[in-house]
Amino acid sequence: MSIRYFTVEEANALLPELEPLVGKVLELRARASRQSREMGDLLGDLHSDVGGPDASRLAQEFAEIESLAYRIQSYGCVLKSLEAGLLDFLTERDGRDVFLCWRYGEPGIQYYHEIHDGFQGRRPL
């Protein structure tokens, strides 16, 4: 899987395909997190046999999250945060590489940040 360069228009054009995938990841992650908290004692006991339908369902959800994350990144973007639904799209701005930044729920690409700054360094386009 390779990262590619995007224009703002190209990244925005992908959002209708990517947004439902990111939404599904967020939904599955929230459910898996809730289930793993509920199963916390069982998962923390190394002598426990962690089988059964709850553990199987949890493993299945983690596998689906991994599959969706791979599918999202196959578009050439970077999935920066499963927790927040953050995607970065590599672009060139003023002769240097930066990331266009999108967060689940935003209407489109409105921000960018330096490669090493991350979400806290977001600036309006």
Protein backbone atom coordinates (compact mmCIF):
# COMPACT_ATOMS: atom_id res chain seq x y z
CA MET A 1 0.00 0.00 0.00
CA SER A 2 1.57 3.29 -1.00
CA ILE A 3 0.81 6.86 -0.05
CA ARG A 4 0.17 9.13 -3.00
CA TYR A 5 -0.08 12.87 -3.53
CA PHE A 6 -3.52 14.48 -3.65
CA THR A 7 -4.93 17.83 -4.63
CA VAL A 8 -7.65 19.23 -2.36
CA GLU A 9 -10.16 18.42 -5.11
CA GLU A 10 -8.98 14.81 -5.41
CA ALA A 11 -9.13 14.27 -1.64
CA ASN A 12 -12.59 15.84 -1.42
CA ALA A 13 -13.78 13.66 -4.30
CA LEU A 14 -12.87 10.53 -2.28
CA LEU A 15 -14.67 11.59 0.89
CA PRO A 16 -18.10 10.25 -0.18
CA GLU A 17 -16.48 6.79 -0.48
CA LEU A 18 -14.26 7.07 2.59
CA GLU A 19 -16.68 8.67 5.05
CA PRO A 20 -18.97 5.61 5.40
CA LEU A 21 -15.93 3.35 5.82
CA VAL A 22 -14.51 5.59 8.55
CA GLY A 23 -17.96 5.73 10.18
CA LYS A 24 -18.11 1.94 10.25
CA VAL A 25 -14.62 1.77 11.80
CA LEU A 26 -15.67 4.22 14.53
CA GLU A 27 -18.85 2.26 15.21
CA LEU A 28 -17.03 -1.09 15.39
CA ARG A 29 -14.24 0.36 17.51
CA ALA A 30 -16.71 1.81 20.02
CA ARG A 31 -18.57 -1.49 20.24
CA ALA A 32 -15.35 -3.55 20.55
CA SER A 33 -14.02 -1.17 23.20
CA ARG A 34 -17.26 -1.50 25.19
CA GLN A 35 -17.21 -5.30 24.88
CA SER A 36 -13.57 -5.59 25.89
CA ARG A 37 -14.26 -3.42 28.98
CA GLU A 38 -17.19 -5.69 29.86
CA MET A 39 -14.95 -8.73 29.40
CA GLY A 40 -12.03 -7.01 31.17
CA ASP A 41 -11.65 -9.41 34.07
CA LEU A 42 -11.84 -12.43 31.81
CA LEU A 43 -9.35 -10.99 29.30
CA GLY A 44 -6.96 -9.99 32.07
CA ASP A 45 -6.85 -13.48 33.62
CA LEU A 46 -4.06 -15.34 31.85
CA HIS A 47 -5.33 -18.67 33.20
CA SER A 48 -8.79 -18.20 31.77
CA ASP A 49 -10.08 -19.97 28.70
CA VAL A 50 -11.35 -17.00 26.69
CA GLY A 51 -13.64 -18.81 24.32
CA GLY A 52 -17.31 -18.54 23.65
CA PRO A 53 -19.53 -16.29 21.60
CA ASP A 54 -18.51 -12.99 23.23
CA ALA A 55 -14.81 -13.52 22.62
CA SER A 56 -15.48 -14.78 19.09
CA ARG A 57 -17.59 -11.72 18.30
CA LEU A 58 -14.91 -9.43 19.71
CA ALA A 59 -12.21 -11.11 17.60
CA GLN A 60 -14.44 -10.84 14.54
CA GLU A 61 -14.95 -7.12 15.13
CA PHE A 62 -11.21 -6.52 15.50
CA ALA A 63 -10.64 -8.39 12.24
CA GLU A 64 -13.30 -6.27 10.51
CA ILE A 65 -11.70 -3.06 11.85
CA GLU A 66 -8.34 -4.19 10.49
CA SER A 67 -9.88 -5.01 7.12
CA LEU A 68 -11.64 -1.64 6.91
CA ALA A 69 -8.46 0.21 7.92
CA TYR A 70 -6.57 -1.56 5.14
CA ARG A 71 -9.34 -0.73 2.65
CA ILE A 72 -9.33 2.96 3.66
CA GLN A 73 -5.56 3.19 3.27
CA SER A 74 -5.71 1.42 -0.09
CA TYR A 75 -6.99 4.74 -1.50
CA GLY A 76 -3.55 6.24 -0.79
CA CYS A 77 -4.43 8.24 2.31
CA VAL A 78 -3.15 7.73 5.86
CA LEU A 79 -5.54 6.63 8.61
CA LYS A 80 -4.09 8.66 11.47
CA SER A 81 -6.56 7.86 14.24
CA LEU A 82 -9.08 5.07 14.64
CA GLU A 83 -10.42 6.82 17.74
CA ALA A 84 -11.14 10.17 16.07
CA GLY A 85 -11.63 9.14 12.45
CA LEU A 86 -8.69 11.21 11.19
CA LEU A 87 -7.42 10.88 7.63
CA ASP A 88 -4.40 12.61 6.11
CA PHE A 89 -3.78 13.11 2.41
CA LEU A 90 -0.24 13.93 1.29
CA THR A 91 0.04 17.07 -0.81
CA GLU A 92 2.58 19.67 -1.81
CA ARG A 93 2.08 23.21 -0.56
CA ASP A 94 4.52 26.05 -1.19
CA GLY A 95 7.17 23.58 -2.38
CA ARG A 96 7.05 21.25 0.62
CA ASP A 97 5.16 18.12 1.61
CA VAL A 98 2.27 18.59 4.03
CA PHE A 99 -0.86 16.65 4.90
CA LEU A 100 -4.38 17.70 4.05
CA CYS A 101 -6.33 16.76 7.16
CA TRP A 102 -9.92 15.54 7.47
CA ARG A 103 -11.83 14.42 10.54
CA TYR A 104 -14.96 12.28 10.40
CA GLY A 105 -18.01 14.54 10.34
CA GLU A 106 -16.31 17.51 8.67
CA PRO A 107 -17.96 18.52 5.38
CA GLY A 108 -14.71 18.46 3.41
CA ILE A 109 -10.99 19.13 3.46
CA GLN A 110 -10.56 22.46 5.21
CA TYR A 111 -7.21 22.07 6.98
CA TYR A 112 -3.62 21.03 6.47
CA HIS A 113 -0.68 20.45 8.79
CA GLU A 114 3.03 19.95 8.53
CA ILE A 115 4.14 16.33 8.20
CA HIS A 116 5.36 16.10 11.82
CA ASP A 117 2.83 18.42 13.48
CA GLY A 118 -0.26 16.25 13.51
CA PHE A 119 -3.81 17.25 14.35
CA GLN A 120 -2.81 19.92 16.90
CA GLY A 121 -0.89 21.76 14.17
CA ARG A 122 -3.86 22.01 11.80
CA ARG A 123 -4.22 25.28 9.93
CA PRO A 124 -7.00 26.43 7.63
CA LEU A 125 -6.29 26.05 3.91
